[in-house]
C-alpha atoms as a PDB file:
ATOM      1  CA  MET A   1     232.071  91.787 167.621  1.00  0.00           C
ATOM      2  CA  LEU A   2     231.015  88.020 167.874  1.00  0.00           C
ATOM      3  CA  ALA A   3     229.344  88.790 171.082  1.00  0.00           C
ATOM      4  CA  GLY A   4     227.461  91.579 169.489  1.00  0.00           C
ATOM      5  CA  CYS A   5     226.314  89.391 166.705  1.00  0.00           C
ATOM      6  CA  TRP A   6     225.111  86.830 169.031  1.00  0.00           C
ATOM      7  CA  LEU A   7     223.362  89.273 171.094  1.00  0.00           C
ATOM      8  CA  ALA A   8     221.666  90.758 167.964  1.00  0.00           C
ATOM      9  CA  ALA A   9     220.536  87.312 166.924  1.00  0.00           C
ATOM     10  CA  ALA A  10     219.345  86.481 170.266  1.00  0.00           C
ATOM     11  CA  GLN A  11     217.052  89.578 170.524  1.00  0.00           C
ATOM     12  CA  ALA A  12     215.763  88.888 166.973  1.00  0.00           C
ATOM     13  CA  GLN A  13     214.370  85.624 168.411  1.00  0.00           C
ATOM     14  CA  VAL A  14     212.043  87.288 170.702  1.00  0.00           C
ATOM     15  CA  ALA A  15     209.737  87.489 167.552  1.00  0.00           C
ATOM     16  CA  ASP A  16     208.729  84.152 168.840  1.00  0.00           C
ATOM     17  CA  GLY A  17     206.701  86.061 171.331  1.00  0.00           C
ATOM     18  CA  PRO A  18     206.399  85.782 175.091  1.00  0.00           C
ATOM     19  CA  PRO A  19     205.688  82.537 176.679  1.00  0.00           C
ATOM     20  CA  GLU A  20     201.959  81.186 176.798  1.00  0.00           C
ATOM     21  CA  TRP A  21     199.766  82.113 179.671  1.00  0.00           C
ATOM     22  CA  THR A  22     199.115  78.929 181.419  1.00  0.00           C
ATOM     23  CA  ASP A  23     197.998  77.621 184.716  1.00  0.00           C
ATOM     24  CA  GLU A  24     201.181  75.738 185.362  1.00  0.00           C
ATOM     25  CA  PRO A  25     202.961  76.251 188.562  1.00  0.00           C
ATOM     26  CA  PRO A  26     203.860  79.746 189.102  1.00  0.00           C
ATOM     27  CA  ALA A  27     207.578  79.164 189.817  1.00  0.00           C
ATOM     28  CA  LEU A  28     207.824  77.312 186.456  1.00  0.00           C
ATOM     29  CA  SER A  29     205.838  80.164 184.465  1.00  0.00           C
ATOM     30  CA  ARG A  30     207.931  82.672 186.114  1.00  0.00           C
ATOM     31  CA  LEU A  31     211.224  81.234 185.048  1.00  0.00           C
ATOM     32  CA  LEU A  32     210.196  81.335 181.322  1.00  0.00           C
ATOM     33  CA  GLU A  33     208.957  84.967 181.760  1.00  0.00           C
ATOM     34  CA  GLN A  34     211.926  86.109 183.616  1.00  0.00           C
ATOM     35  CA  ALA A  35     214.301  84.362 180.890  1.00  0.00           C
ATOM     36  CA  TYR A  36     212.167  86.141 178.167  1.00  0.00           C
ATOM     37  CA  ALA A  37     212.487  89.294 179.635  1.00  0.00           C
ATOM     38  CA  ALA A  38     216.240  88.954 180.197  1.00  0.00           C
ATOM     39  CA  GLN A  39     216.530  87.929 176.425  1.00  0.00           C
ATOM     40  CA  VAL A  40     214.745  91.078 175.395  1.00  0.00           C
ATOM     41  CA  ALA A  41     216.854  93.170 177.398  1.00  0.00           C
ATOM     42  CA  GLY A  42     219.879  91.573 176.132  1.00  0.00           C
ATOM     43  CA  TRP A  43     221.269  89.881 179.354  1.00  0.00           C
ATOM     44  CA  LEU A  44     221.859  86.484 177.608  1.00  0.00           C
ATOM     45  CA  PRO A  45     223.504  84.673 180.777  1.00  0.00           C
ATOM     46  CA  GLU A  46     220.554  85.341 182.871  1.00  0.00           C
ATOM     47  CA  ALA A  47     218.249  84.170 179.986  1.00  0.00           C
ATOM     48  CA  ALA A  48     220.147  81.048 179.494  1.00  0.00           C
ATOM     49  CA  ASN A  49     220.152  80.279 183.207  1.00  0.00           C
ATOM     50  CA  ARG A  50     216.356  80.638 183.439  1.00  0.00           C
ATOM     51  CA  TYR A  51     215.711  78.771 180.468  1.00  0.00           C
ATOM     52  CA  CYS A  52     217.971  76.000 181.692  1.00  0.00           C
ATOM     53  CA  GLN A  53     216.193  75.740 185.159  1.00  0.00           C
ATOM     54  CA  ALA A  54     212.706  75.531 183.274  1.00  0.00           C
ATOM     55  CA  ALA A  55     214.309  72.984 180.820  1.00  0.00           C
ATOM     56  CA  ARG A  56     215.551  70.761 183.659  1.00  0.00           C
ATOM     57  CA  LEU A  57     211.965  70.723 185.182  1.00  0.00           C
ATOM     58  CA  GLY A  58     210.828  69.224 181.683  1.00  0.00           C
ATOM     59  CA  HIS A  59     209.334  72.351 180.180  1.00  0.00           C
ATOM     60  CA  VAL A  60     209.457  71.791 176.355  1.00  0.00           C
ATOM     61  CA  ASP A  61     209.123  75.533 175.599  1.00  0.00           C
ATOM     62  CA  ALA A  62     212.308  76.109 177.588  1.00  0.00           C
ATOM     63  CA  GLN A  63     214.061  73.444 175.684  1.00  0.00           C
ATOM     64  CA  TYR A  64     213.084  75.117 172.515  1.00  0.00           C
ATOM     65  CA  ARG A  65     214.106  78.529 173.542  1.00  0.00           C
ATOM     66  CA  LEU A  66     217.375  77.585 175.177  1.00  0.00           C
ATOM     67  CA  GLY A  67     218.262  75.658 171.972  1.00  0.00           C
ATOM     68  CA  ARG A  68     217.469  78.644 169.765  1.00  0.00           C
ATOM     69  CA  LEU A  69     219.705  80.869 172.090  1.00  0.00           C
ATOM     70  CA  PHE A  70     222.611  78.531 171.965  1.00  0.00           C
ATOM     71  CA  ALA A  71     222.126  77.680 168.260  1.00  0.00           C
ATOM     72  CA  SER A  72     222.616  81.324 167.424  1.00  0.00           C
ATOM     73  CA  SER A  73     225.964  81.540 169.247  1.00  0.00           C
ATOM     74  CA  PRO A  74     229.060  82.355 167.336  1.00  0.00           C
ATOM     75  CA  ASP A  75     230.772  79.396 169.115  1.00  0.00           C
ATOM     76  CA  PRO A  76     230.504  76.036 167.208  1.00  0.00           C
ATOM     77  CA  GLU A  77     230.268  73.992 170.464  1.00  0.00           C
ATOM     78  CA  GLN A  78     227.526  76.055 171.684  1.00  0.00           C
ATOM     79  CA  GLN A  79     225.812  75.758 168.427  1.00  0.00           C
ATOM     80  CA  ARG A  80     225.880  71.995 168.527  1.00  0.00           C
ATOM     81  CA  GLN A  81     224.592  72.107 172.207  1.00  0.00           C
ATOM     82  CA  GLY A  82     221.760  74.321 170.951  1.00  0.00           C
ATOM     83  CA  ILE A  83     220.842  71.953 168.241  1.00  0.00           C
ATOM     84  CA  ALA A  84     220.749  69.209 170.636  1.00  0.00           C
ATOM     85  CA  SER A  85     218.530  71.117 172.853  1.00  0.00           C
ATOM     86  CA  LEU A  86     216.052  71.757 169.795  1.00  0.00           C
ATOM     87  CA  GLY A  87     216.219  68.166 168.892  1.00  0.00           C
ATOM     88  CA  LEU A  88     215.046  67.206 172.387  1.00  0.00           C
ATOM     89  CA  ALA A  89     211.976  69.720 172.030  1.00  0.00           C
ATOM     90  CA  ALA A  90     211.204  68.308 168.551  1.00  0.00           C
ATOM     91  CA  GLN A  91     211.265  64.896 169.800  1.00  0.00           C
ATOM     92  CA  ARG A  92     208.400  65.834 172.157  1.00  0.00           C
ATOM     93  CA  GLY A  93     206.384  67.529 169.391  1.00  0.00           C
ATOM     94  CA  HIS A  94     207.238  71.059 169.584  1.00  0.00           C
ATOM     95  CA  ALA A  95     206.325  72.471 166.277  1.00  0.00           C
ATOM     96  CA  ALA A  96     208.429  75.619 166.291  1.00  0.00           C
ATOM     97  CA  ALA A  97     211.579  73.452 167.267  1.00  0.00           C
ATOM     98  CA  ILE A  98     210.728  70.903 164.248  1.00  0.00           C
ATOM     99  CA  ALA A  99     210.469  73.826 161.907  1.00  0.00           C
ATOM    100  CA  VAL A 100     213.884  75.427 163.058  1.00  0.00           C
ATOM    101  CA  LEU A 101     215.795  72.215 162.713  1.00  0.00           C
ATOM    102  CA  GLU A 102     214.455  71.983 159.171  1.00  0.00           C
ATOM    103  CA  GLN A 103     215.625  75.372 158.551  1.00  0.00           C
ATOM    104  CA  LEU A 104     218.941  74.683 159.693  1.00  0.00           C
ATOM    105  CA  ARG A 105     219.375  71.677 157.744  1.00  0.00           C
ATOM    106  CA  SER A 106     218.332  73.651 154.592  1.00  0.00           C
ATOM    107  CA  GLN A 107     220.958  75.957 155.375  1.00  0.00           C
ATOM    108  CA  SER A 108     223.680  73.381 155.683  1.00  0.00           C
ATOM    109  CA  ALA A 109     225.913  72.474 152.734  1.00  0.00           C
ATOM    110  CA  SER A 110     225.503  68.706 153.528  1.00  0.00           C
ATOM    111  CA  GLY A 111     221.845  68.730 154.808  1.00  0.00           C
ATOM    112  CA  MET A 112     223.107  67.402 157.910  1.00  0.00           C
ATOM    113  CA  LEU A 113     223.291  69.075 161.419  1.00  0.00           C
ATOM    114  CA  PRO A 114     226.430  68.575 163.674  1.00  0.00           C
ATOM    115  CA  GLN A 115     225.795  66.447 166.679  1.00  0.00           C
ATOM    116  CA  GLY A 116     226.402  67.188 170.442  1.00  0.00           C
ATOM    117  CA  ASP A 117     224.945  67.346 173.880  1.00  0.00           C
ATOM    118  CA  PRO A 118     222.485  69.753 175.361  1.00  0.00           C
ATOM    119  CA  PRO A 119     223.935  72.600 177.224  1.00  0.00           C
ATOM    120  CA  GLN A 120     225.255  71.308 180.431  1.00  0.00           C
ATOM    121  CA  CYS A 121     223.408  73.590 182.614  1.00  0.00           C
ATOM    122  CA  GLN A 122     220.193  71.830 181.341  1.00  0.00           C
ATOM    123  CA  LEU A 123     221.650  68.595 182.801  1.00  0.00           C
ATOM    124  CA  THR A 124     223.464  69.567 185.702  1.00  0.00           C
ATOM    125  CA  GLY A 125     221.856  72.823 187.015  1.00  0.00           C
ATOM    126  CA  GLU A 126     225.257  74.571 186.838  1.00  0.00           C
ATOM    127  CA  ALA A 127     225.160  78.162 185.440  1.00  0.00           C
ATOM    128  CA  ALA A 128     225.639  78.614 181.697  1.00  0.00           C
ATOM    129  CA  ALA A 129     229.174  79.561 180.726  1.00  0.00           C
ATOM    130  CA  LEU A 130     228.424  82.726 178.931  1.00  0.00           C
ATOM    131  CA  ALA A 131     230.940  85.288 179.646  1.00  0.00           C
ATOM    132  CA  LEU A 132     229.301  88.309 177.989  1.00  0.00           C
ATOM    133  CA  ALA A 133     229.648  92.031 179.279  1.00  0.00           C
ATOM    134  CA  LEU A 134     225.897  92.899 178.877  1.00  0.00           C
ATOM    135  CA  PRO A 135     223.391  95.008 180.695  1.00  0.00           C
ATOM    136  CA  PRO A 136     222.137  93.945 184.056  1.00  0.00           C
ATOM    137  CA  PRO A 137     218.991  91.858 184.175  1.00  0.00           C
ATOM    138  CA  PRO A 138     215.522  93.659 184.136  1.00  0.00           C
ATOM    139  CA  VAL A 139     213.474  94.103 187.122  1.00  0.00           C
ATOM    140  CA  GLU A 140     211.320  91.013 187.689  1.00  0.00           C
ATOM    141  CA  PRO A 141     207.364  91.646 187.408  1.00  0.00           C
ATOM    142  CA  GLU A 142     205.561  91.049 190.408  1.00  0.00           C
ATOM    143  CA  ALA A 143     202.412  89.576 188.472  1.00  0.00           C
ATOM    144  CA  VAL A 144     202.016  87.871 185.137  1.00  0.00           C
ATOM    145  CA  PRO A 145     203.749  90.291 182.465  1.00  0.00           C
ATOM    146  CA  TYR A 146     201.339  92.209 180.286  1.00  0.00           C
ATOM    147  CA  GLU A 147     202.910  90.883 177.152  1.00  0.00           C
ATOM    148  CA  VAL A 148     202.274  87.320 178.173  1.00  0.00           C
ATOM    149  CA  VAL A 149     198.484  88.066 178.693  1.00  0.00           C
ATOM    150  CA  GLU A 150     198.364  90.049 175.494  1.00  0.00           C
ATOM    151  CA  ARG A 151     199.633  87.200 173.495  1.00  0.00           C
ATOM    152  CA  TYR A 152     196.669  84.933 175.044  1.00  0.00           C
ATOM    153  CA  VAL A 153     194.220  87.400 174.338  1.00  0.00           C
ATOM    154  CA  LEU A 154     195.255  88.048 170.665  1.00  0.00           C
ATOM    155  CA  ALA A 155     194.914  84.124 170.411  1.00  0.00           C
ATOM    156  CA  LEU A 156     191.434  83.838 171.515  1.00  0.00           C
ATOM    157  CA  PRO A 157     188.549  83.505 169.087  1.00  0.00           C
ATOM    158  CA  ASP A 158     186.784  86.723 167.872  1.00  0.00           C
ATOM    159  CA  ASN A 159     183.912  86.688 170.229  1.00  0.00           C
ATOM    160  CA  LYS A 160     185.934  85.908 173.375  1.00  0.00           C
ATOM    161  CA  ARG A 161     188.610  88.358 172.402  1.00  0.00           C
ATOM    162  CA  ARG A 162     185.926  91.100 172.293  1.00  0.00           C
ATOM    163  CA  HIS A 163     184.908  89.987 175.847  1.00  0.00           C
ATOM    164  CA  ALA A 164     188.468  90.005 177.170  1.00  0.00           C
ATOM    165  CA  ARG A 165     189.021  93.484 175.614  1.00  0.00           C
ATOM    166  CA  LEU A 166     185.818  94.582 177.347  1.00  0.00           C
ATOM    167  CA  ILE A 167     187.323  93.479 180.653  1.00  0.00           C
ATOM    168  CA  GLN A 168     190.615  95.006 179.916  1.00  0.00           C
ATOM    169  CA  LEU A 169     188.941  98.344 179.067  1.00  0.00           C
ATOM    170  CA  LEU A 170     186.568  98.370 182.392  1.00  0.00           C
ATOM    171  CA  ALA A 171     188.829  96.970 184.933  1.00  0.00           C
ATOM    172  CA  PRO A 172     190.950 100.242 185.608  1.00  0.00           C
ATOM    173  CA  ARG A 173     187.858 102.277 185.929  1.00  0.00           C
ATOM    174  CA  PHE A 174     186.994  99.850 189.019  1.00  0.00           C
ATOM    175  CA  SER A 175     190.509 100.250 190.227  1.00  0.00           C
ATOM    176  CA  VAL A 176     190.901  96.406 189.467  1.00  0.00           C
ATOM    177  CA  ASP A 177     194.196  95.055 187.680  1.00  0.00           C
ATOM    178  CA  PRO A 178     192.913  93.989 184.052  1.00  0.00           C
ATOM    179  CA  ARG A 179     195.386  90.940 184.406  1.00  0.00           C
ATOM    180  CA  PHE A 180     193.541  89.741 187.693  1.00  0.00           C
ATOM    181  CA  ALA A 181     190.235  90.496 186.290  1.00  0.00           C
ATOM    182  CA  LEU A 182     191.004  88.366 183.140  1.00  0.00           C
ATOM    183  CA  ALA A 183     192.313  85.595 185.369  1.00  0.00           C
ATOM    184  CA  ILE A 184     188.966  85.540 187.189  1.00  0.00           C
ATOM    185  CA  ALA A 185     186.827  85.558 184.062  1.00  0.00           C
ATOM    186  CA  ARG A 186     189.163  82.985 182.342  1.00  0.00           C
ATOM    187  CA  ALA A 187     188.652  80.584 185.391  1.00  0.00           C
ATOM    188  CA  GLU A 188     184.945  81.450 185.790  1.00  0.00           C
ATOM    189  CA  SER A 189     183.646  81.233 182.270  1.00  0.00           C
ATOM    190  CA  ASN A 190     186.456  81.006 179.844  1.00  0.00           C
ATOM    191  CA  PHE A 191     185.158  84.257 178.311  1.00  0.00           C
ATOM    192  CA  ASP A 192     181.750  82.589 177.554  1.00  0.00           C
ATOM    193  CA  ALA A 193     179.045  85.109 177.981  1.00  0.00           C
ATOM    194  CA  GLU A 194     176.266  82.479 177.669  1.00  0.00           C
ATOM    195  CA  ALA A 195     177.926  80.349 180.460  1.00  0.00           C
ATOM    196  CA  VAL A 196     175.457  79.321 183.333  1.00  0.00           C
ATOM    197  CA  SER A 197     176.739  77.041 186.231  1.00  0.00           C
ATOM    198  CA  PRO A 198     174.647  74.479 187.936  1.00  0.00           C
ATOM    199  CA  LYS A 199     174.287  77.152 190.916  1.00  0.00           C
ATOM    200  CA  ASN A 200     172.879  79.549 188.417  1.00  0.00           C
ATOM    201  CA  ALA A 201     175.891  81.800 188.236  1.00  0.00           C
ATOM    202  CA  GLN A 202     175.805  83.364 184.879  1.00  0.00           C
ATOM    203  CA  GLY A 203     177.726  85.376 182.339  1.00  0.00           C
ATOM    204  CA  LEU A 204     181.429  86.164 181.778  1.00  0.00           C
ATOM    205  CA  MET A 205     182.015  86.795 185.432  1.00  0.00           C
ATOM    206  CA  GLN A 206     179.511  84.119 186.657  1.00  0.00           C
ATOM    207  CA  LEU A 207     177.319  86.316 188.812  1.00  0.00           C
ATOM    208  CA  ILE A 208     174.546  84.857 190.989  1.00  0.00           C
ATOM    209  CA  PRO A 209     171.269  86.803 190.928  1.00  0.00           C
ATOM    210  CA  ASP A 210     171.974  87.987 194.425  1.00  0.00           C
ATOM    211  CA  THR A 211     175.167  89.379 193.663  1.00  0.00           C
ATOM    212  CA  ALA A 212     173.993  90.975 190.306  1.00  0.00           C
ATOM    213  CA  GLU A 213     171.253  92.787 192.186  1.00  0.00           C
ATOM    214  CA  ARG A 214     173.484  93.743 195.042  1.00  0.00           C
ATOM    215  CA  PHE A 215     175.866  95.543 192.393  1.00  0.00           C
ATOM    216  CA  GLY A 216     172.995  97.131 190.246  1.00  0.00           C
ATOM    217  CA  VAL A 217     173.088  94.676 187.380  1.00  0.00           C
ATOM    218  CA  ARG A 218     169.733  94.765 185.724  1.00  0.00           C
ATOM    219  CA  ASN A 219     170.388  92.367 182.875  1.00  0.00           C
ATOM    220  CA  ILE A 220     172.645  89.604 184.092  1.00  0.00           C
ATOM    221  CA  ARG A 221     172.969  88.323 180.627  1.00  0.00           C
ATOM    222  CA  ASP A 222     174.172  91.430 179.026  1.00  0.00           C
ATOM    223  CA  PRO A 223     178.069  91.054 178.765  1.00  0.00           C
ATOM    224  CA  GLU A 224     178.980  94.635 179.686  1.00  0.00           C
ATOM    225  CA  GLN A 225     176.548  94.913 182.620  1.00  0.00           C
ATOM    226  CA  ASN A 226     177.686  91.387 183.862  1.00  0.00           C
ATOM    227  CA  VAL A 227     181.452  92.466 183.609  1.00  0.00           C
ATOM    228  CA  ARG A 228     180.693  95.876 185.449  1.00  0.00           C
ATOM    229  CA  GLY A 229     179.025  93.763 188.201  1.00  0.00           C
ATOM    230  CA  GLY A 230     181.713  91.451 188.547  1.00  0.00           C
ATOM    231  CA  LEU A 231     184.255  94.201 188.560  1.00  0.00           C
ATOM    232  CA  ALA A 232     182.406  96.232 191.212  1.00  0.00           C
ATOM    233  CA  TYR A 233     182.410  92.902 193.360  1.00  0.00           C
ATOM    234  CA  LEU A 234     185.996  92.424 192.775  1.00  0.00           C
ATOM    235  CA  LYS A 235     186.753  95.907 193.757  1.00  0.00           C
ATOM    236  CA  TRP A 236     184.635  95.578 197.064  1.00  0.00           C
ATOM    237  CA  LEU A 237     186.479  92.374 197.898  1.00  0.00           C
ATOM    238  CA  LEU A 238     189.977  93.818 197.274  1.00  0.00           C
ATOM    239  CA  ALA A 239     188.960  96.723 199.488  1.00  0.00           C
ATOM    240  CA  ARG A 240     187.625  94.327 202.205  1.00  0.00           C
ATOM    241  CA  PHE A 241     190.647  92.097 202.323  1.00  0.00           C
ATOM    242  CA  ASP A 242     193.312  94.599 201.776  1.00  0.00           C
ATOM    243  CA  GLY A 243     194.498  93.754 198.483  1.00  0.00           C
ATOM    244  CA  ASP A 244     194.982  90.058 199.241  1.00  0.00           C
ATOM    245  CA  VAL A 245     194.559  88.150 196.097  1.00  0.00           C
ATOM    246  CA  GLU A 246     194.032  84.864 197.628  1.00  0.00           C
ATOM    247  CA  LEU A 247     191.206  85.991 200.014  1.00  0.00           C
ATOM    248  CA  ALA A 248     189.618  88.102 197.459  1.00  0.00           C
ATOM    249  CA  SER A 249     189.656  85.157 195.017  1.00  0.00           C
ATOM    250  CA  ALA A 250     188.231  82.805 197.760  1.00  0.00           C
ATOM    251  CA  ALA A 251     185.612  85.207 198.534  1.00  0.00           C
ATOM    252  CA  TYR A 252     184.435  85.542 194.917  1.00  0.00           C
ATOM    253  CA  ASN A 253     184.103  81.787 194.770  1.00  0.00           C
ATOM    254  CA  ALA A 254     182.574  81.085 197.954  1.00  0.00           C
ATOM    255  CA  GLY A 255     181.234  84.431 199.357  1.00  0.00           C
ATOM    256  CA  GLU A 256     183.067  86.820 201.714  1.00  0.00           C
ATOM    257  CA  LYS A 257     181.046  85.471 204.612  1.00  0.00           C
ATOM    258  CA  ALA A 258     182.469  81.952 204.305  1.00  0.00           C
ATOM    259  CA  VAL A 259     186.094  83.623 204.121  1.00  0.00           C
ATOM    260  CA  GLU A 260     185.161  85.740 207.268  1.00  0.00           C
ATOM    261  CA  ARG A 261     183.788  82.683 209.003  1.00  0.00           C
ATOM    262  CA  HIS A 262     186.890  80.582 208.512  1.00  0.00           C
ATOM    263  CA  GLY A 263     189.271  83.241 208.965  1.00  0.00           C
ATOM    264  CA  GLY A 264     190.801  82.633 205.494  1.00  0.00           C
ATOM    265  CA  ILE A 265     190.375  80.440 202.433  1.00  0.00           C
ATOM    266  CA  PRO A 266     187.483  78.074 203.397  1.00  0.00           C
ATOM    267  CA  PRO A 267     188.229  74.325 203.550  1.00  0.00           C
ATOM    268  CA  TYR A 268     186.239  73.556 200.611  1.00  0.00           C
ATOM    269  CA  LEU A 269     187.936  71.630 197.820  1.00  0.00           C
ATOM    270  CA  GLU A 270     186.523  73.531 195.045  1.00  0.00           C
ATOM    271  CA  THR A 271     187.363  76.899 196.442  1.00  0.00           C
ATOM    272  CA  GLN A 272     191.060  75.874 197.303  1.00  0.00           C
ATOM    273  CA  ASP A 273     191.583  74.658 193.924  1.00  0.00           C
ATOM    274  CA  TYR A 274     189.963  77.956 192.407  1.00  0.00           C
ATOM    275  CA  VAL A 275     192.391  80.142 194.551  1.00  0.00           C
ATOM    276  CA  LYS A 276     195.443  77.943 193.458  1.00  0.00           C
ATOM    277  CA  ARG A 277     194.199  78.429 189.767  1.00  0.00           C
ATOM    278  CA  ILE A 278     194.016  82.041 190.106  1.00  0.00           C
ATOM    279  CA  LEU A 279     197.371  82.388 191.606  1.00  0.00           C
ATOM    280  CA  ARG A 280     198.751  80.346 188.837  1.00  0.00           C
ATOM    281  CA  PHE A 281     197.299  82.641 186.247  1.00  0.00           C
ATOM    282  CA  TYR A 282     198.086  85.980 188.289  1.00  0.00           C
ATOM    283  CA  ARG A 283     201.303  85.049 189.938  1.00  0.00           C
ATOM    284  CA  SER A 284     201.073  87.674 192.812  1.00  0.00           C
ATOM    285  CA  ARG A 285     199.454  87.261 196.049  1.00  0.00           C
ATOM    286  CA  VAL A 286     199.067  90.990 196.403  1.00  0.00           C
ATOM    287  CA  HIS A 287     196.959  92.961 193.959  1.00  0.00           C
ATOM    288  CA  MET A 288     198.518  95.476 191.690  1.00  0.00           C
ATOM    289  CA  ALA A 289     196.242  98.469 191.294  1.00  0.00           C
ATOM    290  CA  PRO A 290     196.054  99.633 187.669  1.00  0.00           C
ATOM    291  CA  ALA A 291     197.907 103.167 188.433  1.00  0.00           C
ATOM    292  CA  ALA A 292     201.021 100.930 189.628  1.00  0.00           C
ATOM    293  CA  ARG A 293     201.758  99.983 186.028  1.00  0.00           C
END
């Protein structure tokens, strides 16, 4: 019964939403995404272990989520460990951790919280001691989860959210994963339809005039035409490089001829940094066609 209550409480915490879509190292972002997916599925040991790994690497949101998970445990010792982890996140300015601690204090008869150490898994790297007979862990996504991207899109200002929705709508029509297209647009213009680069790349997808003409874009400053041109170019690049996200991204930044000439990612610092950023957003080195969802 107690384990069932803990499971219900832990799953209720998913109202915090999925992790944010950031360009942190993919391995760190993936830990949080896997932990969140496990928590949603009710596999608390896996969720705790992934949160612990990310917390040990210094991720403040992982400290918070681990703290909430443990603080909802029916075991008093694990509750103390959870409060300690929340305290660490609060000390680093995590607003939600501060709010949860204030709520817990208000619910305490003494107005005080029990003291303890954080979960040992966060300190030692050992597996969390959660012996619960729960469902198996979910299948791990190959690219950034849809719900993580959706949280990001919903938080955008109205004008940028409209542009992101336009990309999400049109990308499948070009056989391009909307998440990959959004990663490109985010890195290129941050969804600013008026963006112009020093090299005269323009609009949401930062098309140069030659590329716009090549893919039939008559008005490069029109958001929909710009997106369609960018998606057509991405579709062509993905076909040319057999779905290789790194090579397609490098070609989008430096041109396919540069990639072909160098036999891979060109030795340009800008392009190499660009490819790394796209991988941090998209996570997968292999393009996932929309039909695969």
